[in-house]
Protein backbone atom coordinates (compact mmCIF):
# COMPACT_ATOMS: atom_id res chain seq x y z
CA MET A 1 22.22 58.50 29.33
CA GLN A 2 25.63 59.34 27.37
CA GLN A 3 24.94 59.83 23.70
CA LEU A 4 26.86 57.70 21.98
CA PRO A 5 29.36 58.79 18.91
CA ASN A 6 27.32 58.65 15.57
CA SER A 7 29.66 56.86 13.82
CA LEU A 8 29.89 54.21 16.34
CA ALA A 9 25.65 54.08 16.84
CA ARG A 10 25.69 53.24 12.92
CA ARG A 11 28.50 50.50 13.62
CA LEU A 12 26.74 48.82 16.68
CA SER A 13 23.22 49.67 14.70
CA ARG A 14 24.30 47.15 11.43
CA TRP A 15 25.98 44.62 13.87
CA GLY A 16 22.91 44.58 15.95
CA ILE A 17 20.62 43.99 13.04
CA ALA A 18 23.07 41.40 11.48
CA ALA A 19 23.23 39.39 14.82
CA LEU A 20 19.35 39.70 14.53
CA LEU A 21 19.25 38.47 11.40
CA VAL A 22 21.49 35.87 12.29
CA GLY A 23 19.69 34.90 15.71
CA ALA A 24 16.49 34.62 13.44
CA ALA A 25 18.05 32.60 11.11
CA ALA A 26 19.54 30.36 13.42
CA SER A 27 16.99 30.01 16.09
CA PRO A 28 14.71 27.94 14.11
CA ALA A 29 17.68 25.33 13.95
CA LEU A 30 18.57 25.42 17.73
CA ALA A 31 14.83 24.91 18.80
CA GLN A 32 14.07 22.01 16.34
CA THR A 33 13.00 19.19 17.82
CA THR A 34 13.91 15.63 16.16
CA LEU A 35 12.49 12.25 16.62
CA LYS A 36 14.13 9.41 15.80
CA ILE A 37 12.88 6.23 15.23
CA ILE A 38 14.86 3.03 14.21
CA PRO A 39 11.68 1.44 11.99
CA SER A 40 10.92 -2.38 11.67
CA SER A 41 12.82 -2.71 8.48
CA ASN A 42 14.55 -0.70 5.88
CA ILE A 43 12.19 0.65 3.12
CA THR A 44 12.66 0.48 -0.35
CA VAL A 45 9.33 0.71 -1.47
CA LEU A 46 7.28 4.03 -0.95
CA ASP A 47 3.85 3.05 -2.81
CA PRO A 48 1.56 1.96 0.40
CA ILE A 49 -0.98 0.57 -2.45
CA TRP A 50 1.70 -1.62 -4.35
CA THR A 51 2.55 -3.26 -1.49
CA THR A 52 1.28 -4.33 2.05
CA ALA A 53 4.69 -4.25 3.69
CA TYR A 54 3.95 -2.52 7.06
CA VAL A 55 7.08 -0.37 6.83
CA THR A 56 5.77 0.86 3.34
CA ARG A 57 1.82 1.25 5.38
CA ASN A 58 3.64 3.09 8.52
CA PHE A 59 5.51 5.29 5.58
CA GLY A 60 2.31 6.07 4.42
CA TYR A 61 0.70 7.09 7.66
CA MET A 62 2.87 9.73 7.79
CA VAL A 63 2.66 11.44 4.76
CA TYR A 64 -0.67 10.52 3.35
CA ASP A 65 -4.19 10.75 5.12
CA THR A 66 -7.71 8.63 5.04
CA LEU A 67 -11.46 9.77 4.44
CA PHE A 68 -12.21 7.62 7.78
CA ALA A 69 -10.17 5.72 10.33
CA THR A 70 -10.55 3.31 12.83
CA ASP A 71 -10.48 4.36 16.77
CA LEU A 72 -9.08 2.00 19.20
CA GLU A 73 -12.07 0.46 20.17
CA GLY A 74 -12.50 -0.64 16.36
CA HIS A 75 -15.31 2.10 15.45
CA ILE A 76 -15.36 3.84 12.09
CA LYS A 77 -14.78 7.79 12.46
CA PRO A 78 -14.46 10.07 9.82
CA GLN A 79 -11.23 11.85 9.13
CA MET A 80 -11.18 13.41 6.11
CA VAL A 81 -14.90 13.52 5.63
CA ASP A 82 -16.43 16.37 6.63
CA LYS A 83 -20.20 14.81 6.59
CA TRP A 84 -22.02 12.24 4.79
CA LYS A 85 -25.81 10.86 3.75
CA VAL A 86 -27.00 7.84 2.40
CA SER A 87 -30.15 7.32 0.40
CA ALA A 88 -33.28 5.52 1.25
CA ASP A 89 -32.34 2.59 -0.84
CA ASN A 90 -28.69 2.64 0.68
CA LYS A 91 -27.33 2.55 -2.27
CA THR A 92 -26.31 6.17 -2.89
CA TRP A 93 -23.48 7.70 -0.49
CA THR A 94 -22.64 10.90 -1.00
CA PHE A 95 -19.78 12.22 1.29
CA THR A 96 -18.47 15.95 1.80
CA LEU A 97 -14.87 16.72 2.54
CA ARG A 98 -13.78 19.13 5.32
CA ASP A 99 -12.94 22.39 4.82
CA GLY A 100 -9.07 22.92 4.51
CA LEU A 101 -7.36 20.04 3.22
CA GLU A 102 -3.97 20.55 0.74
CA PHE A 103 -1.49 18.44 -0.55
CA HIS A 104 2.04 19.17 0.19
CA ASP A 105 1.81 20.99 -3.06
CA GLY A 106 -0.44 23.49 -1.64
CA LYS A 107 -3.17 22.28 -4.34
CA PRO A 108 -6.51 21.64 -2.95
CA VAL A 109 -7.49 18.05 -1.96
CA THR A 110 -10.72 17.49 -4.35
CA GLY A 111 -13.53 14.84 -4.88
CA GLU A 112 -11.97 13.93 -8.05
CA ASP A 113 -8.21 13.26 -6.25
CA VAL A 114 -10.28 10.63 -3.70
CA ILE A 115 -12.54 8.87 -6.59
CA ALA A 116 -9.00 8.55 -8.10
CA SER A 117 -7.09 7.22 -5.22
CA ILE A 118 -10.12 4.78 -4.19
CA LYS A 119 -10.04 3.58 -7.46
CA ARG A 120 -6.17 2.44 -7.59
CA TRP A 121 -6.69 1.23 -3.57
CA ALA A 122 -9.33 -0.79 -4.62
CA SER A 123 -7.32 -2.69 -7.76
CA ARG A 124 -5.05 -3.51 -5.20
CA ASP A 125 -6.85 -4.17 -1.96
CA THR A 126 -8.97 -7.26 -0.96
CA PHE A 127 -11.94 -5.22 0.98
CA GLY A 128 -11.16 -2.19 -1.83
CA ALA A 129 -12.15 -4.94 -4.53
CA GLN A 130 -15.14 -5.94 -2.81
CA LEU A 131 -16.42 -2.43 -2.78
CA ALA A 132 -15.21 -1.95 -6.39
CA LYS A 133 -17.49 -4.99 -7.47
CA ASN A 134 -20.60 -3.72 -6.11
CA THR A 135 -20.61 0.00 -7.22
CA GLU A 136 -21.88 1.19 -10.13
CA ARG A 137 -20.32 4.41 -10.54
CA TYR A 138 -18.70 7.52 -8.65
CA GLU A 139 -19.59 11.01 -8.85
CA THR A 140 -18.09 14.49 -8.24
CA PRO A 141 -20.73 17.20 -8.64
CA ASP A 142 -18.11 19.63 -7.07
CA ALA A 143 -14.70 20.27 -5.58
CA LYS A 144 -15.37 19.03 -2.09
CA THR A 145 -18.02 16.17 -2.79
CA PHE A 146 -18.07 12.74 -4.05
CA VAL A 147 -20.92 10.46 -4.43
CA ILE A 148 -20.36 6.26 -4.31
CA VAL A 149 -23.32 4.81 -6.20
CA LEU A 150 -23.61 1.06 -5.26
CA LYS A 151 -25.71 -1.76 -7.64
CA GLU A 152 -26.83 -3.21 -4.35
CA PRO A 153 -26.53 -2.20 -0.82
CA PHE A 154 -22.75 -2.78 0.62
CA GLY A 155 -23.28 -2.79 4.38
CA LEU A 156 -18.76 -1.94 5.13
CA VAL A 157 -18.88 0.89 2.70
CA LEU A 158 -17.59 2.98 5.69
CA GLU A 159 -15.07 0.21 7.01
CA ALA A 160 -13.56 -0.19 4.11
CA LEU A 161 -12.61 3.24 3.49
CA GLY A 162 -11.68 3.68 6.99
CA LYS A 163 -9.74 0.06 7.70
CA PRO A 164 -6.42 1.18 9.35
CA SER A 165 -4.07 -1.28 7.84
CA SER A 166 -2.37 -2.69 4.48
CA ASN A 167 -3.90 -1.80 2.14
CA VAL A 168 -5.01 1.14 3.52
CA PRO A 169 -6.98 3.45 1.33
CA PHE A 170 -4.80 6.91 1.53
CA ILE A 171 -5.90 10.06 -0.79
CA MET A 172 -2.87 10.75 -3.30
CA PRO A 173 -3.26 13.75 -5.71
CA LYS A 174 -5.26 12.40 -8.91
CA ARG A 175 -2.41 12.91 -11.65
CA VAL A 176 -0.41 10.38 -8.87
CA ALA A 177 -3.60 7.84 -7.91
CA ASP A 178 -4.08 7.85 -12.28
CA THR A 179 -1.24 5.22 -11.72
CA PRO A 180 -1.93 1.78 -12.43
CA GLY A 181 -2.34 -0.53 -9.24
CA ASP A 182 0.49 -3.05 -10.84
CA VAL A 183 2.87 0.09 -11.19
CA GLN A 184 4.86 2.07 -8.52
CA ILE A 185 4.13 5.71 -7.83
CA LYS A 186 7.48 7.80 -8.57
CA GLU A 187 6.06 10.78 -6.67
CA SER A 188 4.68 10.51 -2.52
CA ILE A 189 2.68 13.31 -2.15
CA GLY A 190 0.08 13.23 0.68
CA SER A 191 -1.91 15.64 2.91
CA GLY A 192 -1.01 13.66 5.99
CA PRO A 193 0.32 15.92 9.08
CA TYR A 194 4.41 14.95 7.59
CA VAL A 195 6.14 15.96 4.62
CA PHE A 196 8.72 13.33 3.14
CA LYS A 197 11.67 14.78 2.36
CA ALA A 198 12.83 13.45 -1.09
CA ASP A 199 15.96 14.92 -1.23
CA GLU A 200 17.12 13.53 1.98
CA PHE A 201 16.19 9.76 1.07
CA ARG A 202 18.87 7.67 1.58
CA PRO A 203 18.06 4.14 0.55
CA GLY A 204 18.98 1.46 3.54
CA GLU A 205 20.38 4.78 5.81
CA ARG A 206 17.60 7.23 6.27
CA VAL A 207 14.17 8.61 5.68
CA VAL A 208 13.43 12.21 6.74
CA PHE A 209 10.28 13.47 7.13
CA THR A 210 9.28 17.15 8.31
CA LYS A 211 6.23 18.64 10.08
CA ASN A 212 3.06 19.97 7.79
CA THR A 213 3.18 22.80 8.71
CA ARG A 214 -0.40 23.55 6.74
CA TYR A 215 -1.78 20.64 8.29
CA LYS A 216 -5.22 21.26 10.27
CA PRO A 217 -5.80 18.34 12.75
CA ARG A 218 -9.18 17.57 13.42
CA ALA A 219 -10.30 18.78 17.28
CA GLU A 220 -10.92 14.78 18.56
CA ALA A 221 -8.34 13.35 20.72
CA PRO A 222 -6.52 10.83 18.85
CA SER A 223 -7.42 7.40 19.35
CA GLY A 224 -6.13 4.42 16.83
CA THR A 225 -5.72 5.88 13.20
CA ALA A 226 -8.89 7.97 14.02
CA GLY A 227 -8.90 11.93 15.89
CA GLY A 228 -6.33 14.77 15.47
CA LYS A 229 -3.12 14.24 14.19
CA ASN A 230 -1.20 16.81 16.33
CA VAL A 231 2.09 17.24 15.83
CA TYR A 232 4.43 18.35 18.41
CA VAL A 233 8.02 18.02 16.72
CA ASP A 234 9.64 19.31 13.96
CA ARG A 235 11.49 16.47 12.10
CA VAL A 236 11.24 12.81 12.14
CA GLU A 237 14.26 10.93 10.89
CA TRP A 238 13.89 6.87 10.11
CA LEU A 239 17.71 5.19 10.63
CA ILE A 240 17.60 2.19 9.13
CA ILE A 241 20.13 -0.05 11.34
CA ARG A 242 19.95 -3.67 10.35
CA ASP A 243 21.69 -5.10 12.99
CA ALA A 244 19.23 -5.67 16.04
CA GLN A 245 22.26 -5.46 18.67
CA THR A 246 23.09 -2.21 16.91
CA GLN A 247 19.54 -0.95 16.71
CA MET A 248 19.35 -1.65 20.77
CA ASN A 249 22.52 0.16 21.66
CA ALA A 250 21.19 3.09 19.30
CA LEU A 251 18.53 3.32 21.52
CA LEU A 252 20.36 2.58 25.34
CA ASN A 253 22.99 5.54 24.18
CA GLY A 254 19.96 8.30 23.01
CA GLU A 255 20.92 8.02 19.33
CA ALA A 256 17.60 6.85 18.34
CA ASP A 257 14.31 7.59 20.47
CA ILE A 258 12.02 4.57 19.69
CA LEU A 259 12.74 1.14 18.61
CA GLU A 260 9.89 0.10 16.61
CA GLN A 261 10.28 -3.72 17.22
CA PRO A 262 13.24 -5.24 19.35
CA ALA A 263 14.43 -8.21 18.97
CA PHE A 264 12.37 -10.65 21.23
CA GLU A 265 15.41 -11.47 22.92
CA GLN A 266 16.29 -8.31 23.98
CA TYR A 267 13.46 -7.56 25.94
CA ALA A 268 14.88 -8.60 29.27
CA THR A 269 17.44 -6.03 29.23
CA LEU A 270 15.21 -3.22 28.42
CA ARG A 271 12.78 -4.02 31.04
CA THR A 272 15.28 -3.18 33.64
CA ASN A 273 16.92 -0.34 31.90
CA PRO A 274 15.44 3.20 34.09
CA ASP A 275 15.93 5.38 30.56
CA ILE A 276 13.27 2.66 28.54
CA LYS A 277 9.71 1.60 28.33
CA LEU A 278 8.25 -0.36 27.01
CA VAL A 279 4.73 0.61 24.91
CA ASP A 280 2.23 -1.87 23.33
CA ALA A 281 1.41 0.25 20.27
CA GLN A 282 -0.55 -2.59 18.63
CA PRO A 283 -2.69 -4.60 22.09
CA ALA A 284 -4.31 -6.75 19.88
CA GLY A 285 -1.41 -8.92 18.80
CA ASN A 286 -0.15 -10.37 15.92
CA GLN A 287 0.16 -13.75 14.02
CA PHE A 288 3.15 -15.44 12.48
CA ILE A 289 1.60 -17.15 8.87
CA LEU A 290 3.18 -19.56 6.19
CA ARG A 291 1.74 -18.36 2.40
CA PHE A 292 1.94 -20.37 -0.40
CA ASN A 293 2.74 -20.04 -4.11
CA PHE A 294 -0.53 -21.50 -6.20
CA LEU A 295 0.86 -21.01 -9.45
CA GLN A 296 3.92 -22.81 -9.61
CA PRO A 297 4.61 -26.47 -8.45
CA PRO A 298 4.64 -28.13 -5.80
CA PHE A 299 1.62 -26.01 -4.42
CA ASN A 300 -0.11 -25.66 -6.84
CA ASN A 301 -1.39 -29.40 -5.80
CA GLU A 302 -4.24 -28.76 -3.07
CA LYS A 303 -2.99 -31.80 -0.96
CA VAL A 304 0.55 -31.18 -1.39
CA ARG A 305 -0.28 -27.76 0.19
CA ARG A 306 -2.39 -29.29 2.99
CA ALA A 307 0.25 -31.47 3.81
CA ALA A 308 2.79 -28.94 4.67
CA MET A 309 -0.04 -27.32 6.70
CA LEU A 310 -0.22 -30.70 8.58
CA ALA A 311 3.45 -30.57 9.01
CA LEU A 312 3.53 -27.48 10.53
CA GLY A 313 3.26 -26.82 14.47
CA GLN A 314 3.02 -23.38 16.46
CA GLU A 315 4.75 -24.41 19.54
CA ALA A 316 8.28 -24.70 18.14
CA PHE A 317 7.62 -21.45 15.87
CA LEU A 318 6.82 -19.45 19.12
CA ARG A 319 9.60 -20.95 21.27
CA THR A 320 11.68 -20.32 18.35
CA GLN A 321 10.95 -17.13 17.20
CA VAL A 322 9.63 -15.43 20.26
CA GLY A 323 10.50 -17.15 23.44
CA THR A 324 10.22 -14.67 25.64
CA PRO A 325 7.09 -15.71 28.33
CA GLY A 326 3.84 -13.79 28.57
CA LEU A 327 4.37 -12.28 24.05
CA THR A 328 2.97 -15.52 22.97
CA ARG A 329 -0.05 -17.56 22.11
CA TYR A 330 -1.27 -20.64 20.80
CA CYS A 331 -4.19 -19.99 18.26
CA LYS A 332 -5.35 -22.61 15.45
CA SER A 333 -7.93 -19.75 14.15
CA MET A 334 -6.94 -18.00 10.89
CA PHE A 335 -8.85 -14.55 12.69
CA PRO A 336 -7.18 -13.48 15.82
CA CYS A 337 -8.24 -15.21 19.06
CA GLY A 338 -10.10 -13.08 21.38
CA THR A 339 -11.39 -11.10 18.07
CA LEU A 340 -14.84 -11.30 17.16
CA PHE A 341 -14.64 -13.85 14.49
CA GLU A 342 -12.23 -16.12 16.53
CA SER A 343 -13.02 -19.37 15.20
CA GLU A 344 -12.79 -23.65 16.08
CA GLN A 345 -13.84 -24.72 12.87
CA THR A 346 -10.23 -25.35 11.33
CA GLY A 347 -11.06 -28.25 9.73
CA GLU A 348 -8.15 -30.77 9.75
CA TYR A 349 -5.34 -28.40 10.94
CA THR A 350 -4.84 -28.34 14.64
CA GLY A 351 -1.83 -26.28 15.27
CA VAL A 352 0.35 -29.33 16.06
CA ALA A 353 2.76 -30.50 13.85
CA ASN A 354 1.37 -34.41 12.23
CA PRO A 355 4.40 -35.37 10.15
CA THR A 356 3.37 -39.12 9.89
CA LYS A 357 -0.12 -37.75 8.36
CA ALA A 358 1.27 -35.17 6.22
CA LYS A 359 4.04 -37.40 4.81
CA ALA A 360 0.98 -40.24 3.88
CA LEU A 361 -0.37 -36.94 2.42
CA LEU A 362 2.28 -36.13 0.46
CA ALA A 363 2.30 -39.68 -0.80
CA GLU A 364 -1.22 -39.80 -1.87
CA ALA A 365 -0.69 -36.14 -3.62
CA GLY A 366 2.20 -37.97 -5.77
CA TYR A 367 4.95 -35.35 -5.02
CA LYS A 368 8.02 -35.81 -7.19
CA GLY A 369 10.77 -33.81 -4.69
CA GLU A 370 9.89 -30.66 -6.44
CA PRO A 371 12.28 -28.21 -4.16
CA VAL A 372 9.89 -26.01 -2.13
CA VAL A 373 11.85 -22.19 -2.43
CA LEU A 374 11.26 -20.92 1.05
CA MET A 375 12.44 -17.38 1.10
CA ARG A 376 14.06 -16.09 4.62
CA PRO A 377 14.50 -12.54 5.34
CA THR A 378 17.44 -12.62 7.30
CA ASP A 379 17.54 -8.90 8.48
CA ASN A 380 13.92 -9.05 10.19
CA PRO A 381 14.18 -9.84 13.99
CA THR A 382 10.71 -10.27 14.02
CA ILE A 383 10.20 -13.71 11.54
CA GLY A 384 13.64 -14.18 10.67
CA LYS A 385 13.97 -17.46 12.48
CA LEU A 386 10.49 -18.69 11.23
CA PRO A 387 11.86 -20.19 7.98
CA LEU A 388 14.80 -22.38 9.80
CA VAL A 389 11.43 -23.87 11.90
CA ALA A 390 9.55 -24.23 8.75
CA LYS A 391 12.34 -26.21 6.74
CA GLN A 392 12.96 -28.32 9.52
CA GLN A 393 9.12 -29.26 10.25
CA LEU A 394 8.77 -29.51 6.08
CA GLU A 395 11.96 -31.91 5.65
CA GLN A 396 10.31 -34.28 8.40
CA ALA A 397 7.18 -34.40 6.50
CA GLY A 398 9.47 -35.50 3.15
CA PHE A 399 9.58 -32.20 1.21
CA LYS A 400 12.72 -31.16 -0.28
CA VAL A 401 13.39 -27.31 1.03
CA ASP A 402 15.59 -24.69 -0.65
CA MET A 403 15.49 -22.27 2.01
CA GLN A 404 17.30 -18.78 0.41
CA ALA A 405 18.24 -15.95 2.22
CA MET A 406 18.34 -12.48 1.33
CA ASP A 407 17.11 -8.98 2.88
CA TRP A 408 13.98 -8.38 3.64
CA SER A 409 13.04 -5.65 1.07
CA THR A 410 14.67 -8.20 -1.18
CA LEU A 411 11.84 -10.49 -0.06
CA VAL A 412 9.06 -8.11 -0.58
CA ALA A 413 10.09 -7.52 -4.61
CA ARG A 414 10.56 -11.30 -5.05
CA ARG A 415 7.47 -12.37 -3.71
CA ALA A 416 5.49 -10.24 -6.34
CA LYS A 417 7.34 -12.26 -9.23
CA LYS A 418 5.36 -14.70 -10.85
CA ASP A 419 8.35 -16.99 -12.31
CA ALA A 420 8.89 -20.55 -11.47
CA PRO A 421 11.18 -20.67 -8.61
CA SER A 422 14.09 -22.24 -10.54
CA ALA A 423 13.81 -18.90 -12.31
CA GLY A 424 13.91 -16.46 -9.69
CA GLY A 425 10.39 -17.07 -8.30
CA TRP A 426 9.25 -18.90 -4.61
CA SER A 427 7.23 -21.20 -3.17
CA ALA A 428 6.28 -19.85 0.16
CA PHE A 429 7.50 -17.15 2.55
CA MET A 430 6.56 -16.53 5.88
CA THR A 431 5.31 -12.88 7.45
CA SER A 432 3.23 -11.34 10.43
CA TRP A 433 -0.05 -9.36 10.24
CA THR A 434 -1.20 -7.21 12.74
CA ALA A 435 -4.34 -8.37 14.19
CA SER A 436 -6.41 -5.47 12.47
CA ASP A 437 -5.33 -7.16 8.91
CA ILE A 438 -7.08 -10.15 9.32
CA LEU A 439 -10.02 -9.41 11.71
CA ASN A 440 -12.34 -10.39 8.67
CA PRO A 441 -12.53 -12.42 5.47
CA ILE A 442 -12.67 -9.15 3.42
CA THR A 443 -9.38 -7.89 5.10
CA MET A 444 -7.81 -10.68 5.22
CA ALA A 445 -5.39 -10.87 2.04
CA MET A 446 -4.58 -14.25 2.06
CA MET A 447 -8.33 -14.94 1.70
CA ASN A 448 -8.08 -12.77 -1.32
CA ALA A 449 -8.88 -15.58 -4.07
CA THR A 450 -9.28 -13.37 -7.21
CA GLY A 451 -6.26 -15.04 -9.20
CA ASP A 452 -3.98 -12.80 -10.54
CA LYS A 453 -5.57 -9.66 -8.75
CA GLY A 454 -5.38 -11.39 -5.71
CA TRP A 455 -2.45 -11.01 -3.09
CA PHE A 456 0.80 -12.85 -3.12
CA GLY A 457 0.08 -16.77 -3.99
CA TRP A 458 -2.75 -15.90 -6.30
CA GLN A 459 -5.05 -18.52 -5.43
CA THR A 460 -8.30 -18.47 -7.58
CA ASP A 461 -11.35 -19.75 -5.66
CA ALA A 462 -15.00 -18.88 -6.60
CA LYS A 463 -16.81 -20.37 -3.54
CA LEU A 464 -14.94 -18.81 -0.96
CA GLU A 465 -15.02 -15.41 -2.92
CA GLU A 466 -19.04 -16.05 -2.85
CA ILE A 467 -18.80 -16.79 1.04
CA LYS A 468 -17.36 -13.17 1.35
CA VAL A 469 -20.17 -11.66 -0.75
CA GLN A 470 -22.55 -13.22 1.39
CA PHE A 471 -20.33 -11.64 4.44
CA THR A 472 -20.53 -7.90 2.91
CA GLN A 473 -24.70 -8.49 2.79
CA ALA A 474 -25.20 -9.81 6.21
CA LYS A 475 -27.05 -7.68 8.40
CA THR A 476 -26.36 -8.87 12.04
CA ASP A 477 -23.36 -10.07 13.92
CA ALA A 478 -24.86 -13.41 14.13
CA GLU A 479 -25.16 -13.65 10.28
CA LYS A 480 -21.62 -12.69 10.06
CA ARG A 481 -19.60 -14.98 12.50
CA LYS A 482 -21.33 -17.80 10.59
CA LEU A 483 -19.97 -16.50 7.37
CA ALA A 484 -16.83 -15.78 8.72
CA ALA A 485 -16.83 -19.64 10.04
CA ALA A 486 -17.60 -20.51 6.70
CA ALA A 487 -14.87 -18.68 4.78
CA GLN A 488 -11.99 -19.64 7.63
CA LEU A 489 -13.34 -23.27 6.88
CA ARG A 490 -13.14 -23.09 3.17
CA ALA A 491 -9.44 -21.51 3.25
CA PHE A 492 -8.45 -24.35 5.52
CA GLU A 493 -9.59 -26.88 3.18
CA THR A 494 -7.80 -25.21 0.07
CA ALA A 495 -4.81 -24.30 2.46
CA THR A 496 -5.14 -20.92 1.48
CA HIS A 497 -1.92 -20.20 4.02
CA VAL A 498 -1.17 -21.95 7.64
CA PRO A 499 -1.51 -19.45 11.05
CA VAL A 500 1.58 -20.61 12.95
CA GLY A 501 1.03 -18.56 16.54
CA GLN A 502 -0.45 -15.21 17.69
CA TYR A 503 2.54 -12.76 19.97
CA ASN A 504 2.74 -9.30 20.96
CA GLN A 505 6.14 -6.94 20.14
CA PRO A 506 5.96 -3.62 22.21
CA ALA A 507 7.88 -0.99 21.08
CA ALA A 508 10.68 0.33 23.17
CA VAL A 509 10.77 4.11 23.83
CA ARG A 510 12.94 6.47 25.64
CA LYS A 511 11.20 7.75 28.88
CA ASN A 512 12.02 11.11 27.43
CA ILE A 513 9.19 10.27 25.12
CA ASP A 514 5.29 10.75 25.59
CA GLY A 515 2.03 10.41 23.35
CA LEU A 516 2.65 7.14 21.19
CA VAL A 517 -0.51 6.14 20.66
CA PRO A 518 -1.78 2.82 20.18
CA ALA A 519 -3.68 1.61 16.96
CA GLY A 520 -3.79 -1.13 14.25
CA ALA A 521 0.01 0.64 12.95
CA GLN A 522 2.56 2.11 14.11
CA VAL A 523 1.70 5.77 13.78
CA TYR A 524 3.47 9.47 14.76
CA TRP A 525 1.65 11.74 15.90
CA ASN A 526 0.87 13.48 19.38
CA ILE A 527 4.13 12.68 20.33
CA LYS A 528 6.19 15.02 22.15
CA LYS A 529 9.67 15.05 23.17
CA GLN A 530 10.95 16.66 26.31
């Protein structure tokens, strides 16, 4: 081989090293895989304990991890926990964390972080509140161990710690979890499969996450919110697009990979597009509801709430909001039809509008024509038409309805206000719940009857709370079914809320995307992008 002059060799050597350095710096960017998702709504609240909003819950699953999780069959599986044991009297539960758990700031997850997180979650969540009420004390004998000592046996400890949907008992650093439950946290640091890029967060435009390279997934296959949370992409971007048609165009043009909740009228087009597939990530379905404000007139009057309940009929809600064949189901049970605690014990509620009976009850209640401030989220295609139907049906029964339009994030903030409707508060709003949130009286937020500590609406009902206590102590499924039916009947008697129909809403996914996991929530691990 002919030898190069020394000066040229030195220059080529320098250029080669420089080129290698440039290539080394550039190759990760060139190889980086970015998953682009259009979420169900804009996100303004990043605290998944402070709110039950699903977009915030989904954010939580990106950033945080859980002690236990629920697989697709409804079984509770360990997640951050390695092993646990229960004392002979069923009052002392001792848990050991698995190795390698780290927060995104590099600090190890400890029992003290866990206990602080459980306490904060229990201050907001109806299931957590039941567990906390039955807890005598917590202990942290060493960094990897935490202990829950109960006053009396509580048969649903693992179900509480592994519940899959709002509010999820996500684990945060103690310094963050020490924030009171009614105050939003200011830092989104977890130990989950993705790291939130706060510096790239653009409210109303974009939310960015990167792969947590230090995360150690479990070895089991993913199922529901359980199993291995393997991440096969480098970066995830949530694209906040408010207009439904613009959302679908972005998906069809390849500018987005997943449209979390298409508008119902778009399914006909999506089904015929060769580049798109529909994936039902929540096969157990969802339920539309109307929720009352118990603190302010007119719905501080039980008879007025019952009159409103009788005025509402499911058929019009399902036809107007969904309309797509095969996606809806009439179901008057508060617990979703097709699930364990579905019940026909619904009292005077039939799910069929009865304006005559509602009008008579409204007169009996002494209704004085107070305006019903009904909030309508105009940017949420999943529920945006529901208030239009509610307004019409309530007015047919004699109510005066003031429907106020706003975006969903504004509604989420406003529903936390206890002010009079005329002073920026509200009377009623409509939303939807995934089945995994409303399977039993303990997980159902609308059956949290603890007043100020309860879910938005803030009803107080000692009788309902006592039924729930009995439910947690039940030893057989037959006992639980009997008590669930009793809780539902009491909820209908006092009109905690109104179920107005059941539905499914599959995600629209480009065909080069594989691995979307069906769960009780939208989760984005296990996904591969070709």
